[in-house]
Amino acid sequence: MTPEKEKLLKLMRVWLFGTFLIVFAAITLYIGMFTSRDWMLALRQGFPIWGITAVLCVGTYYGYKAWTMRKTG
């Protein structure tokens, strides 16, 4: 793998992790605001949303990795 491709993969990993953190925080806070500030309930109710986001982020990373590793030509 070329150094340029490694840099792109690291950048993609950072952006996807950041996306997951933003979704996790936003969903948890939003649900927490409307559930009497019960944060454990907010985590349980938000699990499907950020769980799906985590799966999509991991899938996107490995899809992008496979796309960058393909042979051109």
PDB file of N, CA and C in Angstrom:
ATOM      1  N   MET A   1       0.847  -1.169   0.000  1.00  0.00           N
ATOM      2  CA  MET A   1       0.000   0.000   0.000  1.00  0.00           C
ATOM      3  C   MET A   1       0.895   1.236   0.000  1.00  0.00           C
ATOM      4  N   THR A   2       0.532   2.193  -0.808  1.00  0.00           N
ATOM      5  CA  THR A   2       1.336   3.405  -0.907  1.00  0.00           C
ATOM      6  C   THR A   2       1.085   4.295   0.307  1.00  0.00           C
ATOM      7  N   PRO A   3       2.053   5.142   0.616  1.00  0.00           N
ATOM      8  CA  PRO A   3       1.872   6.060   1.749  1.00  0.00           C
ATOM      9  C   PRO A   3       0.670   6.996   1.557  1.00  0.00           C
ATOM     10  N   GLU A   4       0.393   7.359   0.323  1.00  0.00           N
ATOM     11  CA  GLU A   4      -0.752   8.242   0.070  1.00  0.00           C
ATOM     12  C   GLU A   4      -2.067   7.541   0.426  1.00  0.00           C
ATOM     13  N   LYS A   5      -2.175   6.268   0.080  1.00  0.00           N
ATOM     14  CA  LYS A   5      -3.380   5.508   0.414  1.00  0.00           C
ATOM     15  C   LYS A   5      -3.508   5.307   1.918  1.00  0.00           C
ATOM     16  N   GLU A   6      -2.391   5.108   2.591  1.00  0.00           N
ATOM     17  CA  GLU A   6      -2.429   4.967   4.051  1.00  0.00           C
ATOM     18  C   GLU A   6      -2.924   6.255   4.705  1.00  0.00           C
ATOM     19  N   LYS A   7      -2.470   7.398   4.189  1.00  0.00           N
ATOM     20  CA  LYS A   7      -2.916   8.676   4.731  1.00  0.00           C
ATOM     21  C   LYS A   7      -4.416   8.862   4.517  1.00  0.00           C
ATOM     22  N   LEU A   8      -4.901   8.470   3.340  1.00  0.00           N
ATOM     23  CA  LEU A   8      -6.330   8.594   3.060  1.00  0.00           C
ATOM     24  C   LEU A   8      -7.162   7.693   3.969  1.00  0.00           C
ATOM     25  N   LEU A   9      -6.661   6.481   4.225  1.00  0.00           N
ATOM     26  CA  LEU A   9      -7.381   5.574   5.123  1.00  0.00           C
ATOM     27  C   LEU A   9      -7.415   6.104   6.552  1.00  0.00           C
ATOM     28  N   LYS A  10      -6.303   6.673   7.006  1.00  0.00           N
ATOM     29  CA  LYS A  10      -6.272   7.245   8.359  1.00  0.00           C
ATOM     30  C   LYS A  10      -7.222   8.429   8.460  1.00  0.00           C
ATOM     31  N   LEU A  11      -7.266   9.246   7.410  1.00  0.00           N
ATOM     32  CA  LEU A  11      -8.172  10.390   7.405  1.00  0.00           C
ATOM     33  C   LEU A  11      -9.628   9.932   7.427  1.00  0.00           C
ATOM     34  N   MET A  12      -9.937   8.910   6.644  1.00  0.00           N
ATOM     35  CA  MET A  12     -11.294   8.368   6.627  1.00  0.00           C
ATOM     36  C   MET A  12     -11.671   7.811   7.994  1.00  0.00           C
ATOM     37  N   ARG A  13     -10.739   7.142   8.659  1.00  0.00           N
ATOM     38  CA  ARG A  13     -10.991   6.584   9.991  1.00  0.00           C
ATOM     39  C   ARG A  13     -11.301   7.696  10.990  1.00  0.00           C
ATOM     40  N   VAL A  14     -10.554   8.793  10.927  1.00  0.00           N
ATOM     41  CA  VAL A  14     -10.783   9.914  11.842  1.00  0.00           C
ATOM     42  C   VAL A  14     -12.160  10.524  11.602  1.00  0.00           C
ATOM     43  N   TRP A  15     -12.505  10.755  10.333  1.00  0.00           N
ATOM     44  CA  TRP A  15     -13.794  11.359  10.024  1.00  0.00           C
ATOM     45  C   TRP A  15     -14.958  10.461  10.415  1.00  0.00           C
ATOM     46  N   LEU A  16     -14.839   9.169  10.189  1.00  0.00           N
ATOM     47  CA  LEU A  16     -15.929   8.263  10.555  1.00  0.00           C
ATOM     48  C   LEU A  16     -16.079   8.153  12.069  1.00  0.00           C
ATOM     49  N   PHE A  17     -14.971   8.133  12.786  1.00  0.00           N
ATOM     50  CA  PHE A  17     -15.051   8.101  14.245  1.00  0.00           C
ATOM     51  C   PHE A  17     -15.678   9.394  14.769  1.00  0.00           C
ATOM     52  N   GLY A  18     -15.294  10.515  14.187  1.00  0.00           N
ATOM     53  CA  GLY A  18     -15.887  11.792  14.571  1.00  0.00           C
ATOM     54  C   GLY A  18     -17.377  11.839  14.285  1.00  0.00           C
ATOM     55  N   THR A  19     -17.778  11.287  13.152  1.00  0.00           N
ATOM     56  CA  THR A  19     -19.196  11.218  12.807  1.00  0.00           C
ATOM     57  C   THR A  19     -19.958  10.397  13.834  1.00  0.00           C
ATOM     58  N   PHE A  20     -19.390   9.256  14.220  1.00  0.00           N
ATOM     59  CA  PHE A  20     -20.044   8.426  15.218  1.00  0.00           C
ATOM     60  C   PHE A  20     -20.169   9.168  16.548  1.00  0.00           C
ATOM     61  N   LEU A  21     -19.117   9.853  16.970  1.00  0.00           N
ATOM     62  CA  LEU A  21     -19.173  10.575  18.248  1.00  0.00           C
ATOM     63  C   LEU A  21     -20.231  11.672  18.228  1.00  0.00           C
ATOM     64  N   ILE A  22     -20.324  12.387  17.122  1.00  0.00           N
ATOM     65  CA  ILE A  22     -21.323  13.452  17.021  1.00  0.00           C
ATOM     66  C   ILE A  22     -22.731  12.871  17.068  1.00  0.00           C
ATOM     67  N   VAL A  23     -22.978  11.791  16.338  1.00  0.00           N
ATOM     68  CA  VAL A  23     -24.300  11.165  16.344  1.00  0.00           C
ATOM     69  C   VAL A  23     -24.617  10.631  17.740  1.00  0.00           C
ATOM     70  N   PHE A  24     -23.647   9.975  18.375  1.00  0.00           N
ATOM     71  CA  PHE A  24     -23.860   9.431  19.717  1.00  0.00           C
ATOM     72  C   PHE A  24     -24.230  10.540  20.703  1.00  0.00           C
ATOM     73  N   ALA A  25     -23.463  11.616  20.705  1.00  0.00           N
ATOM     74  CA  ALA A  25     -23.724  12.703  21.647  1.00  0.00           C
ATOM     75  C   ALA A  25     -25.052  13.394  21.349  1.00  0.00           C
ATOM     76  N   ALA A  26     -25.319  13.665  20.092  1.00  0.00           N
ATOM     77  CA  ALA A  26     -26.540  14.384  19.739  1.00  0.00           C
ATOM     78  C   ALA A  26     -27.784  13.568  20.072  1.00  0.00           C
ATOM     79  N   ILE A  27     -27.786  12.303  19.707  1.00  0.00           N
ATOM     80  CA  ILE A  27     -28.957  11.464  19.960  1.00  0.00           C
ATOM     81  C   ILE A  27     -29.168  11.261  21.458  1.00  0.00           C
ATOM     82  N   THR A  28     -28.094  10.998  22.185  1.00  0.00           N
ATOM     83  CA  THR A  28     -28.212  10.783  23.625  1.00  0.00           C
ATOM     84  C   THR A  28     -28.712  12.040  24.326  1.00  0.00           C
ATOM     85  N   LEU A  29     -28.179  13.189  23.954  1.00  0.00           N
ATOM     86  CA  LEU A  29     -28.641  14.433  24.572  1.00  0.00           C
ATOM     87  C   LEU A  29     -30.079  14.746  24.204  1.00  0.00           C
ATOM     88  N   TYR A  30     -30.438  14.533  22.953  1.00  0.00           N
ATOM     89  CA  TYR A  30     -31.800  14.821  22.514  1.00  0.00           C
ATOM     90  C   TYR A  30     -32.809  13.931  23.244  1.00  0.00           C
ATOM     91  N   ILE A  31     -32.534  12.646  23.319  1.00  0.00           N
ATOM     92  CA  ILE A  31     -33.439  11.745  24.031  1.00  0.00           C
ATOM     93  C   ILE A  31     -33.438  12.071  25.521  1.00  0.00           C
ATOM     94  N   GLY A  32     -32.268  12.388  26.068  1.00  0.00           N
ATOM     95  CA  GLY A  32     -32.162  12.708  27.491  1.00  0.00           C
ATOM     96  C   GLY A  32     -32.955  13.940  27.885  1.00  0.00           C
ATOM     97  N   MET A  33     -33.064  14.890  26.963  1.00  0.00           N
ATOM     98  CA  MET A  33     -33.828  16.105  27.270  1.00  0.00           C
ATOM     99  C   MET A  33     -35.312  15.812  27.448  1.00  0.00           C
ATOM    100  N   PHE A  34     -35.810  14.771  26.788  1.00  0.00           N
ATOM    101  CA  PHE A  34     -37.234  14.495  26.820  1.00  0.00           C
ATOM    102  C   PHE A  34     -37.602  13.272  27.656  1.00  0.00           C
ATOM    103  N   THR A  35     -36.660  12.731  28.411  1.00  0.00           N
ATOM    104  CA  THR A  35     -36.966  11.574  29.263  1.00  0.00           C
ATOM    105  C   THR A  35     -36.659  11.884  30.725  1.00  0.00           C
ATOM    106  N   SER A  36     -37.020  13.055  31.161  1.00  0.00           N
ATOM    107  CA  SER A  36     -36.847  13.459  32.566  1.00  0.00           C
ATOM    108  C   SER A  36     -35.390  13.377  33.007  1.00  0.00           C
ATOM    109  N   ARG A  37     -34.486  13.600  32.078  1.00  0.00           N
ATOM    110  CA  ARG A  37     -33.047  13.590  32.351  1.00  0.00           C
ATOM    111  C   ARG A  37     -32.547  12.248  32.890  1.00  0.00           C
ATOM    112  N   ASP A  38     -33.188  11.183  32.487  1.00  0.00           N
ATOM    113  CA  ASP A  38     -32.766   9.839  32.852  1.00  0.00           C
ATOM    114  C   ASP A  38     -31.792   9.345  31.780  1.00  0.00           C
ATOM    115  N   TRP A  39     -30.498   9.437  32.052  1.00  0.00           N
ATOM    116  CA  TRP A  39     -29.483   9.181  31.041  1.00  0.00           C
ATOM    117  C   TRP A  39     -29.349   7.697  30.695  1.00  0.00           C
ATOM    118  N   MET A  40     -29.636   6.834  31.643  1.00  0.00           N
ATOM    119  CA  MET A  40     -29.568   5.410  31.321  1.00  0.00           C
ATOM    120  C   MET A  40     -30.682   5.036  30.349  1.00  0.00           C
ATOM    121  N   LEU A  41     -31.844   5.621  30.542  1.00  0.00           N
ATOM    122  CA  LEU A  41     -32.942   5.402  29.601  1.00  0.00           C
ATOM    123  C   LEU A  41     -32.594   5.983  28.230  1.00  0.00           C
ATOM    124  N   ALA A  42     -31.943   7.136  28.219  1.00  0.00           N
ATOM    125  CA  ALA A  42     -31.542   7.750  26.954  1.00  0.00           C
ATOM    126  C   ALA A  42     -30.545   6.864  26.215  1.00  0.00           C
ATOM    127  N   LEU A  43     -29.630   6.245  26.943  1.00  0.00           N
ATOM    128  CA  LEU A  43     -28.668   5.347  26.300  1.00  0.00           C
ATOM    129  C   LEU A  43     -29.355   4.109  25.733  1.00  0.00           C
ATOM    130  N   ARG A  44     -30.286   3.555  26.495  1.00  0.00           N
ATOM    131  CA  ARG A  44     -31.000   2.360  26.009  1.00  0.00           C
ATOM    132  C   ARG A  44     -31.878   2.687  24.813  1.00  0.00           C
ATOM    133  N   GLN A  45     -32.553   3.825  24.846  1.00  0.00           N
ATOM    134  CA  GLN A  45     -33.435   4.201  23.745  1.00  0.00           C
ATOM    135  C   GLN A  45     -32.644   4.604  22.501  1.00  0.00           C
ATOM    136  N   GLY A  46     -31.463   5.165  22.698  1.00  0.00           N
ATOM    137  CA  GLY A  46     -30.653   5.608  21.570  1.00  0.00           C
ATOM    138  C   GLY A  46     -29.786   4.524  20.967  1.00  0.00           C
ATOM    139  N   PHE A  47     -29.705   3.373  21.629  1.00  0.00           N
ATOM    140  CA  PHE A  47     -28.827   2.305  21.150  1.00  0.00           C
ATOM    141  C   PHE A  47     -29.094   1.891  19.706  1.00  0.00           C
ATOM    142  N   PRO A  48     -30.341   1.707  19.281  1.00  0.00           N
ATOM    143  CA  PRO A  48     -30.544   1.307  17.879  1.00  0.00           C
ATOM    144  C   PRO A  48     -30.009   2.343  16.885  1.00  0.00           C
ATOM    145  N   ILE A  49     -30.167   3.608  17.198  1.00  0.00           N
ATOM    146  CA  ILE A  49     -29.737   4.654  16.269  1.00  0.00           C
ATOM    147  C   ILE A  49     -28.225   4.699  16.169  1.00  0.00           C
ATOM    148  N   TRP A  50     -27.542   4.799  17.312  1.00  0.00           N
ATOM    149  CA  TRP A  50     -26.091   4.898  17.196  1.00  0.00           C
ATOM    150  C   TRP A  50     -25.445   3.555  16.965  1.00  0.00           C
ATOM    151  N   GLY A  51     -26.171   2.470  17.252  1.00  0.00           N
ATOM    152  CA  GLY A  51     -25.669   1.146  16.887  1.00  0.00           C
ATOM    153  C   GLY A  51     -25.640   0.973  15.378  1.00  0.00           C
ATOM    154  N   ILE A  52     -26.714   1.403  14.722  1.00  0.00           N
ATOM    155  CA  ILE A  52     -26.748   1.362  13.260  1.00  0.00           C
ATOM    156  C   ILE A  52     -25.691   2.289  12.675  1.00  0.00           C
ATOM    157  N   THR A  53     -25.509   3.448  13.286  1.00  0.00           N
ATOM    158  CA  THR A  53     -24.488   4.382  12.810  1.00  0.00           C
ATOM    159  C   THR A  53     -23.100   3.761  12.920  1.00  0.00           C
ATOM    160  N   ALA A  54     -22.826   3.059  14.003  1.00  0.00           N
ATOM    161  CA  ALA A  54     -21.523   2.414  14.176  1.00  0.00           C
ATOM    162  C   ALA A  54     -21.300   1.345  13.111  1.00  0.00           C
ATOM    163  N   VAL A  55     -22.327   0.546  12.847  1.00  0.00           N
ATOM    164  CA  VAL A  55     -22.207  -0.497  11.823  1.00  0.00           C
ATOM    165  C   VAL A  55     -21.980   0.130  10.453  1.00  0.00           C
ATOM    166  N   LEU A  56     -22.708   1.207  10.142  1.00  0.00           N
ATOM    167  CA  LEU A  56     -22.521   1.887   8.858  1.00  0.00           C
ATOM    168  C   LEU A  56     -21.136   2.508   8.734  1.00  0.00           C
ATOM    169  N   CYS A  57     -20.624   3.085   9.819  1.00  0.00           N
ATOM    170  CA  CYS A  57     -19.281   3.677   9.785  1.00  0.00           C
ATOM    171  C   CYS A  57     -18.215   2.609   9.539  1.00  0.00           C
ATOM    172  N   VAL A  58     -18.323   1.483  10.224  1.00  0.00           N
ATOM    173  CA  VAL A  58     -17.356   0.396  10.033  1.00  0.00           C
ATOM    174  C   VAL A  58     -17.466  -0.161   8.613  1.00  0.00           C
ATOM    175  N   GLY A  59     -18.690  -0.340   8.139  1.00  0.00           N
ATOM    176  CA  GLY A  59     -18.884  -0.826   6.777  1.00  0.00           C
ATOM    177  C   GLY A  59     -18.347   0.130   5.735  1.00  0.00           C
ATOM    178  N   THR A  60     -18.556   1.414   5.960  1.00  0.00           N
ATOM    179  CA  THR A  60     -18.031   2.427   5.043  1.00  0.00           C
ATOM    180  C   THR A  60     -16.518   2.404   5.026  1.00  0.00           C
ATOM    181  N   TYR A  61     -15.904   2.254   6.195  1.00  0.00           N
ATOM    182  CA  TYR A  61     -14.443   2.220   6.253  1.00  0.00           C
ATOM    183  C   TYR A  61     -13.893   1.035   5.462  1.00  0.00           C
ATOM    184  N   TYR A  62     -14.440  -0.148   5.706  1.00  0.00           N
ATOM    185  CA  TYR A  62     -13.916  -1.327   5.006  1.00  0.00           C
ATOM    186  C   TYR A  62     -14.270  -1.314   3.516  1.00  0.00           C
ATOM    187  N   GLY A  63     -15.403  -0.730   3.169  1.00  0.00           N
ATOM    188  CA  GLY A  63     -15.734  -0.559   1.760  1.00  0.00           C
ATOM    189  C   GLY A  63     -14.766   0.383   1.074  1.00  0.00           C
ATOM    190  N   TYR A  64     -14.432   1.494   1.747  1.00  0.00           N
ATOM    191  CA  TYR A  64     -13.471   2.445   1.196  1.00  0.00           C
ATOM    192  C   TYR A  64     -12.079   1.828   1.120  1.00  0.00           C
ATOM    193  N   LYS A  65     -11.733   1.040   2.112  1.00  0.00           N
ATOM    194  CA  LYS A  65     -10.429   0.372   2.107  1.00  0.00           C
ATOM    195  C   LYS A  65     -10.337  -0.594   0.928  1.00  0.00           C
ATOM    196  N   ALA A  66     -11.401  -1.360   0.683  1.00  0.00           N
ATOM    197  CA  ALA A  66     -11.410  -2.288  -0.448  1.00  0.00           C
ATOM    198  C   ALA A  66     -11.358  -1.525  -1.769  1.00  0.00           C
ATOM    199  N   TRP A  67     -12.035  -0.378  -1.818  1.00  0.00           N
ATOM    200  CA  TRP A  67     -12.045   0.418  -3.038  1.00  0.00           C
ATOM    201  C   TRP A  67     -10.669   1.006  -3.337  1.00  0.00           C
ATOM    202  N   THR A  68      -9.953   1.447  -2.306  1.00  0.00           N
ATOM    203  CA  THR A  68      -8.627   2.018  -2.524  1.00  0.00           C
ATOM    204  C   THR A  68      -7.575   0.939  -2.805  1.00  0.00           C
ATOM    205  N   MET A  69      -7.828  -0.286  -2.359  1.00  0.00           N
ATOM    206  CA  MET A  69      -6.850  -1.363  -2.558  1.00  0.00           C
ATOM    207  C   MET A  69      -7.030  -2.072  -3.897  1.00  0.00           C
ATOM    208  N   ARG A  70      -8.090  -1.771  -4.645  1.00  0.00           N
ATOM    209  CA  ARG A  70      -8.335  -2.464  -5.907  1.00  0.00           C
ATOM    210  C   ARG A  70      -7.218  -2.160  -6.899  1.00  0.00           C
ATOM    211  N   LYS A  71      -7.047  -3.051  -7.813  1.00  0.00           N
ATOM    212  CA  LYS A  71      -6.026  -2.851  -8.840  1.00  0.00           C
ATOM    213  C   LYS A  71      -6.594  -1.980  -9.939  1.00  0.00           C
ATOM    214  N   THR A  72      -5.833  -0.987 -10.311  1.00  0.00           N
ATOM    215  CA  THR A  72      -6.273  -0.110 -11.395  1.00  0.00           C
ATOM    216  C   THR A  72      -5.529  -0.508 -12.664  1.00  0.00           C
ATOM    217  N   GLY A  73      -6.220  -0.402 -13.760  1.00  0.00           N
ATOM    218  CA  GLY A  73      -5.549  -0.681 -15.010  1.00  0.00           C
ATOM    219  C   GLY A  73      -6.073  -1.882 -15.637  1.00  0.00           C
TER     220      GLY A  73
END
